[in-house]
Protein backbone atom coordinates (compact mmCIF):
# COMPACT_ATOMS: atom_id res chain seq x y z
CA MET A 1 2.14 17.72 27.06
CA ARG A 2 5.48 19.28 28.00
CA ALA A 3 6.70 18.60 31.54
CA ARG A 4 7.70 21.66 33.56
CA ALA A 5 11.09 22.17 35.19
CA GLY A 6 11.03 21.11 38.84
CA ALA A 7 8.38 18.48 38.27
CA LEU A 8 8.93 14.81 37.54
CA VAL A 9 9.87 14.89 33.86
CA LEU A 10 8.52 12.30 31.49
CA LEU A 11 11.03 12.91 28.79
CA CYS A 12 10.96 12.85 25.57
CA GLY A 13 -0.31 8.42 17.74
CA ALA A 14 -3.15 7.07 18.42
CA VAL A 15 -3.65 3.60 19.86
CA ALA A 16 -0.55 1.44 20.25
CA GLY A 17 -0.76 -1.89 18.48
CA CYS A 18 -3.77 -1.08 16.29
CA GLY A 19 -4.08 -3.06 13.06
CA SER A 20 -3.90 -1.42 9.65
CA ALA A 21 -6.44 -1.41 6.92
CA GLY A 22 -4.66 -4.24 5.10
CA GLY A 23 -3.75 -6.43 8.05
CA ALA A 24 -1.63 -5.96 11.16
CA PRO A 25 1.47 -3.82 10.69
CA THR A 26 4.77 -5.56 11.30
CA THR A 27 7.94 -4.41 12.99
CA THR A 28 11.41 -5.61 12.03
CA ALA A 29 13.90 -5.51 14.89
CA GLY A 30 16.55 -4.79 12.31
CA ARG A 31 19.64 -6.11 14.09
CA ALA A 32 21.40 -6.50 10.78
CA GLY A 33 20.36 -2.99 9.79
CA ALA A 34 21.21 -1.37 13.12
CA THR A 35 24.59 0.07 12.27
CA THR A 36 26.69 2.69 13.94
CA ALA A 37 28.20 5.63 12.09
CA ARG A 38 31.59 3.87 12.01
CA ALA A 39 30.19 0.68 10.53
CA ALA A 40 27.85 2.21 8.01
CA GLY A 41 30.17 1.66 5.05
CA ALA A 42 29.76 3.87 2.00
CA ALA A 43 30.30 7.60 2.40
CA ALA A 44 27.28 9.80 2.91
CA PRO A 45 26.68 12.89 0.79
CA ALA A 46 28.99 15.70 1.89
CA ALA A 47 26.30 18.35 2.41
CA HIS A 48 26.45 20.66 5.43
CA LEU A 49 24.09 23.32 6.72
CA ARG A 50 25.60 26.81 7.00
CA LEU A 51 24.04 29.89 8.57
CA ALA A 52 22.94 32.37 5.92
CA GLY A 53 20.58 34.75 7.71
CA ARG A 54 18.46 35.65 10.70
CA ALA A 55 15.12 37.38 11.29
CA ALA A 56 13.07 38.14 14.39
CA LEU A 57 9.79 36.37 15.12
CA PRO A 58 6.84 38.33 16.56
CA ALA A 59 7.37 36.52 19.90
CA PRO A 60 9.49 33.74 21.42
CA VAL A 61 8.19 30.26 20.69
CA GLN A 62 9.09 26.64 21.36
CA LEU A 63 7.56 23.46 20.00
CA PRO A 64 5.62 24.98 17.08
CA ALA A 65 4.58 22.94 14.06
CA LEU A 66 6.45 24.29 11.03
CA VAL A 67 4.94 23.62 7.60
CA ALA A 68 5.85 24.75 4.09
CA VAL A 69 2.75 25.41 1.96
CA GLY A 70 4.07 26.19 -1.48
CA THR A 71 6.57 29.01 -1.06
CA ARG A 72 5.15 30.08 2.32
CA VAL A 73 6.12 28.65 5.68
CA LEU A 74 3.75 28.72 8.65
CA ALA A 75 4.65 28.27 12.31
CA ILE A 76 1.55 26.86 14.02
CA GLY A 77 0.92 27.09 17.76
CA GLY A 78 3.65 26.24 20.28
CA LEU A 79 4.59 27.33 23.77
CA ASP A 80 5.55 30.86 24.76
CA ALA A 81 8.36 31.97 27.09
CA ALA A 82 6.17 31.17 30.13
CA ASP A 83 5.37 27.62 28.88
CA GLY A 84 1.82 28.65 27.97
CA SER A 85 0.16 27.34 24.82
CA VAL A 86 -0.28 29.84 21.99
CA ALA A 87 -2.88 29.96 19.22
CA GLY A 88 -1.01 32.09 16.71
CA ILE A 89 -0.31 31.09 13.12
CA VAL A 90 2.80 32.99 12.00
CA ARG A 91 4.00 33.30 8.42
CA VAL A 92 7.76 32.99 8.92
CA TRP A 93 8.72 32.92 5.23
CA PRO A 94 9.00 34.80 2.91
CA GLY A 95 9.63 38.30 4.17
CA THR A 96 9.36 39.58 7.72
CA PRO A 97 7.67 37.05 10.03
CA ARG A 98 4.17 38.14 11.05
CA ARG A 99 1.02 36.66 12.52
CA VAL A 100 -1.57 35.77 9.87
CA GLY A 101 -4.12 33.62 11.69
CA VAL A 102 -5.33 31.95 14.88
CA LEU A 103 -6.00 28.31 15.74
CA PRO A 104 -9.43 27.37 17.12
CA ALA A 105 -7.66 26.72 20.45
CA ALA A 106 -4.17 27.45 21.76
CA ALA A 107 -2.02 24.31 21.42
CA HIS A 108 1.57 23.08 21.33
CA ASP A 109 3.39 19.89 20.27
CA ILE A 110 1.21 19.73 17.16
CA GLY A 111 2.07 17.46 14.24
CA GLY A 112 2.11 19.54 11.06
CA ALA A 113 2.28 18.56 7.38
CA ALA A 114 1.23 20.01 4.02
CA LEU A 115 -1.15 18.41 1.52
CA GLY A 116 -1.80 20.38 -1.63
CA ALA A 117 -2.45 24.04 -0.88
CA ARG A 118 -3.10 23.53 2.84
CA ALA A 119 -1.23 22.78 6.02
CA TYR A 120 -2.77 20.30 8.42
CA ALA A 121 -2.39 20.44 12.20
CA PHE A 122 -2.76 17.08 13.96
CA GLY A 123 -3.74 17.02 17.63
CA GLY A 124 -1.65 19.00 20.12
CA GLY A 125 -1.48 19.78 23.80
CA THR A 126 -3.84 22.34 25.33
CA ALA A 127 -4.56 23.62 28.82
CA GLY A 128 -7.18 20.87 29.10
CA GLY A 129 -4.96 18.10 27.73
CA PRO A 130 -4.31 16.70 24.25
CA VAL A 131 -6.92 17.04 21.51
CA ALA A 132 -7.90 14.77 18.62
CA THR A 133 -8.73 17.53 16.14
CA ILE A 134 -7.31 17.84 12.64
CA THR A 135 -7.32 21.43 11.39
CA ALA A 136 -6.75 22.55 7.79
CA ILE A 137 -4.91 25.87 7.38
CA THR A 138 -4.51 27.85 4.16
CA ALA A 139 -1.30 29.65 3.25
CA ALA A 140 -3.06 32.87 4.26
CA GLY A 141 -3.79 31.53 7.77
CA ALA A 142 -7.51 30.67 7.50
CA THR A 143 -8.56 27.53 9.42
CA SER A 144 -11.30 24.93 9.02
CA PRO A 145 -12.08 21.51 10.60
CA ALA A 146 -10.65 18.58 8.63
CA GLY A 147 -11.34 15.48 10.71
CA ARG A 148 -10.35 13.72 13.90
CA LEU A 149 -7.59 11.41 15.06
CA PRO A 150 -8.51 8.06 16.65
CA ALA A 151 -7.45 9.48 20.03
CA ALA A 152 -6.30 12.77 21.54
CA ILE A 153 -2.50 13.11 21.19
CA SER A 154 0.32 15.61 21.48
CA ASP A 155 4.14 15.40 21.23
CA THR A 156 3.92 13.97 17.72
CA ALA A 157 5.52 14.74 14.35
CA ALA A 158 4.05 14.57 10.86
CA VAL A 159 5.44 14.33 7.32
CA THR A 160 4.03 14.17 3.80
CA ILE A 161 4.65 11.48 1.17
CA GLY A 162 2.67 12.01 -2.02
CA SER A 163 -0.97 12.67 -1.18
CA THR A 164 -0.78 11.27 2.35
CA ALA A 165 0.33 12.75 5.68
CA TYR A 166 1.81 10.44 8.29
CA ILE A 167 1.70 11.10 12.04
CA VAL A 168 4.51 9.46 14.01
CA GLY A 169 4.30 8.52 17.69
CA GLY A 170 2.92 10.92 20.28
CA TYR A 171 1.53 11.03 23.78
CA THR A 172 -1.91 10.70 25.38
CA THR A 173 -0.98 12.30 28.78
CA THR A 174 -0.49 8.80 30.19
CA THR A 175 1.20 6.81 27.45
CA PRO A 176 3.76 7.46 24.69
CA LEU A 177 2.61 5.80 21.48
CA ARG A 178 4.05 3.36 18.93
CA SER A 179 1.70 4.17 16.07
CA VAL A 180 2.32 5.57 12.60
CA LEU A 181 -0.99 6.92 11.30
CA ALA A 182 -1.97 7.87 7.74
CA PHE A 183 -4.31 10.73 6.81
CA ARG A 184 -5.82 11.83 3.50
CA PRO A 185 -8.45 14.57 3.36
CA GLY A 186 -11.91 13.07 3.21
CA HIS A 187 -10.75 9.66 4.45
CA ALA A 188 -10.62 8.08 7.89
CA VAL A 189 -7.26 8.04 9.66
CA ARG A 190 -5.69 4.57 9.56
CA ASP A 191 -2.80 2.81 11.28
CA VAL A 192 -0.04 1.78 8.85
CA ALA A 193 2.92 0.72 11.00
CA THR A 194 4.00 0.03 14.56
CA LEU A 195 7.23 1.44 15.98
CA PRO A 196 9.49 -0.94 17.94
CA HIS A 197 9.12 1.18 21.09
CA GLN A 198 6.95 3.96 22.49
CA LEU A 199 8.07 7.31 21.14
CA ARG A 200 7.45 11.03 21.47
CA TYR A 201 9.51 14.14 20.64
CA ALA A 202 11.36 12.44 17.76
CA ALA A 203 13.01 14.15 14.77
CA VAL A 204 11.20 13.04 11.61
CA ALA A 205 11.51 13.59 7.84
CA ALA A 206 10.48 11.82 4.63
CA ILE A 207 12.96 10.79 1.91
CA GLY A 208 12.37 8.49 -1.05
CA GLY A 209 9.04 7.13 0.11
CA ARG A 210 10.35 6.29 3.58
CA ILE A 211 9.87 8.04 6.92
CA LEU A 212 13.09 8.49 8.87
CA VAL A 213 12.71 8.84 12.63
CA ALA A 214 15.68 9.84 14.80
CA GLY A 215 15.87 9.69 18.57
CA GLY A 216 12.92 10.83 20.65
CA THR A 217 12.03 9.48 24.06
CA ASP A 218 10.15 6.42 25.21
CA GLY A 219 8.71 8.43 28.09
CA VAL A 220 11.61 7.79 30.45
CA HIS A 221 14.87 7.95 28.50
CA GLY A 222 16.06 9.43 25.22
CA ARG A 223 16.58 7.02 22.33
CA ARG A 224 19.49 6.55 19.91
CA GLU A 225 17.76 4.62 17.14
CA ILE A 226 17.27 6.00 13.63
CA LEU A 227 14.25 4.15 12.25
CA SER A 228 13.25 3.68 8.62
CA VAL A 229 9.49 3.31 8.19
CA ASP A 230 7.94 1.88 5.03
CA PRO A 231 4.31 3.02 5.36
CA VAL A 232 3.17 1.13 2.25
CA GLY A 233 4.77 -2.19 3.25
CA HIS A 234 3.87 -1.64 6.95
CA ARG A 235 7.48 -2.31 7.97
CA VAL A 236 9.89 -0.62 10.37
CA ARG A 237 13.60 -1.29 10.72
CA VAL A 238 16.50 0.20 12.64
CA LEU A 239 18.67 1.94 10.05
CA ALA A 240 21.41 3.29 12.35
CA ARG A 241 22.07 4.79 15.75
CA LEU A 242 22.83 8.30 16.88
CA PRO A 243 26.06 8.98 18.80
CA GLY A 244 23.99 9.27 21.98
CA PRO A 245 20.40 9.54 23.24
CA LEU A 246 18.65 12.58 21.75
CA SER A 247 15.13 13.99 21.97
CA HIS A 248 13.38 17.32 21.36
CA ALA A 249 15.43 17.73 18.15
CA ALA A 250 14.20 18.89 14.74
CA GLY A 251 14.36 16.77 11.59
CA VAL A 252 14.42 17.90 7.98
CA ALA A 253 15.20 16.39 4.57
CA ALA A 254 17.33 18.51 2.22
CA GLY A 255 19.62 17.62 -0.66
CA GLY A 256 18.89 13.90 -0.27
CA THR A 257 20.12 13.93 3.34
CA PHE A 258 18.25 13.60 6.63
CA PHE A 259 19.44 16.35 8.98
CA VAL A 260 18.89 16.19 12.74
CA LEU A 261 19.24 19.61 14.37
CA GLY A 262 19.84 20.42 18.02
CA GLY A 263 17.85 18.62 20.69
CA ARG A 264 18.87 17.48 24.16
CA GLY A 265 19.57 14.46 26.30
CA ASP A 266 17.55 13.40 29.31
CA ALA A 267 18.47 16.51 31.32
CA LEU A 268 16.41 19.66 30.79
CA THR A 269 19.65 21.67 30.49
CA SER A 270 21.50 19.38 28.04
CA GLN A 271 20.71 21.30 24.84
CA ARG A 272 22.86 20.61 21.75
CA ALA A 273 24.05 22.87 18.94
CA ALA A 274 25.19 20.01 16.70
CA ILE A 275 23.63 19.30 13.32
CA LEU A 276 23.93 15.66 12.25
CA ALA A 277 23.52 14.31 8.72
CA VAL A 278 22.17 10.82 8.09
CA ASP A 279 22.65 9.09 4.75
CA PRO A 280 19.24 7.48 4.11
CA SER A 281 20.81 4.67 2.05
CA THR A 282 23.62 3.54 4.34
CA GLY A 283 22.61 4.99 7.70
CA ARG A 284 25.98 6.70 8.09
CA VAL A 285 25.83 9.53 10.63
CA ARG A 286 28.27 12.44 10.46
CA PRO A 287 28.62 16.03 11.72
CA ALA A 288 27.06 18.56 9.33
CA GLY A 289 27.33 21.93 11.04
CA ARG A 290 26.22 23.72 14.17
CA LEU A 291 23.33 25.91 15.19
CA PRO A 292 24.15 29.46 16.31
CA VAL A 293 22.79 28.50 19.76
CA ALA A 294 22.37 25.15 21.49
CA LEU A 295 18.62 24.55 21.31
CA SER A 296 15.96 21.96 21.97
CA ASP A 297 12.26 22.22 21.10
CA LEU A 298 13.01 23.97 17.81
CA ALA A 299 11.31 23.39 14.47
CA ALA A 300 12.83 23.07 10.99
CA VAL A 301 11.56 22.83 7.42
CA GLN A 302 13.05 22.84 3.92
CA VAL A 303 11.81 25.42 1.41
CA GLY A 304 13.32 26.68 -1.83
CA GLY A 305 16.73 25.08 -1.38
CA ARG A 306 17.18 26.34 2.18
CA VAL A 307 16.38 25.12 5.68
CA LEU A 308 14.51 27.37 8.08
CA VAL A 309 14.89 26.91 11.84
CA VAL A 310 12.33 28.54 14.12
CA GLY A 311 12.28 29.13 17.88
CA GLY A 312 13.57 26.74 20.52
CA ARG A 313 14.69 26.58 24.13
CA ASP A 314 18.26 27.05 25.40
CA ALA A 315 20.04 25.50 28.39
CA ALA A 316 19.19 28.48 30.62
CA GLY A 317 15.47 28.00 29.90
CA GLY A 318 15.28 30.97 27.53
CA VAL A 319 12.82 30.69 24.65
CA HIS A 320 14.02 32.13 21.35
CA ALA A 321 12.35 34.44 18.84
CA GLU A 322 14.60 33.86 15.82
CA ARG A 323 14.13 32.48 12.35
CA TRP A 324 17.49 31.16 11.24
CA THR A 325 18.08 30.56 7.53
CA LEU A 326 20.53 27.77 6.70
CA GLN A 327 21.94 26.94 3.27
CA VAL A 328 22.77 23.43 2.13
CA ARG A 329 26.43 23.54 1.07
CA PRO A 330 29.23 21.07 0.38
């Protein structure tokens, strides 16, 4: 659940340390692989993200799940400008963004990923606390129950590799989590890897069969690590480090590069406009553009050769109602 300004902030799933279906997952500390941007070696691809367009959302939103289902992109849930959970499902692409459906309950900090012709919403924070529900959502916005997580969680992120969705980290209202969970429709959720530290609000994307996880918070301080997770081999290593602690950022894979967009440090008013590019092979980190506004709690997704950025919160506490379109360019 998101902490409110003025309260004690636990900065930025489901049971830490659970075993996997093929034996206990292992974690590699990765000292040899923990490299800074200067020591990463080979040059990363030269792609940048450049602003190409803007559209208005039906309402301001922060912390939505953003999922591409075919050629459509859905923004699922989130928090409104008053930090209240919302239930709306908004089609943000293509065309003019508009509301197309409603979740069974208003929720934010939902993990979202696509499998086949449906988006899946994993957990999320509600007025009564996190939930363990998994909800299937069609491209047209219709919802149906699709299972349950092992525990109620929010503040998580999800990605798709092949026919499996993976849910990374999260929060139970008392504890940030170290789990990486795997979900396939019709199958029980299973634990496939253990992160080296508790983590919520991380930037996450999938490239080449690996899950890349940048920053996030352990519940007290922002993190710098960029982790590479092998969900099949049940291994995690530190690939690189960010220039500084960063949480509440968005992650997206485009053009073979892992982009980390915006985010903030430990302070509620430390929003960033920087876009960073991470080479998934070498771990090299480099600047790759800037957002039009310094934002945390935004969402990003790749669709049709472009990156869409939705919503977010600025340093003054304003919640944004824009869909930014970014092009991947040299």
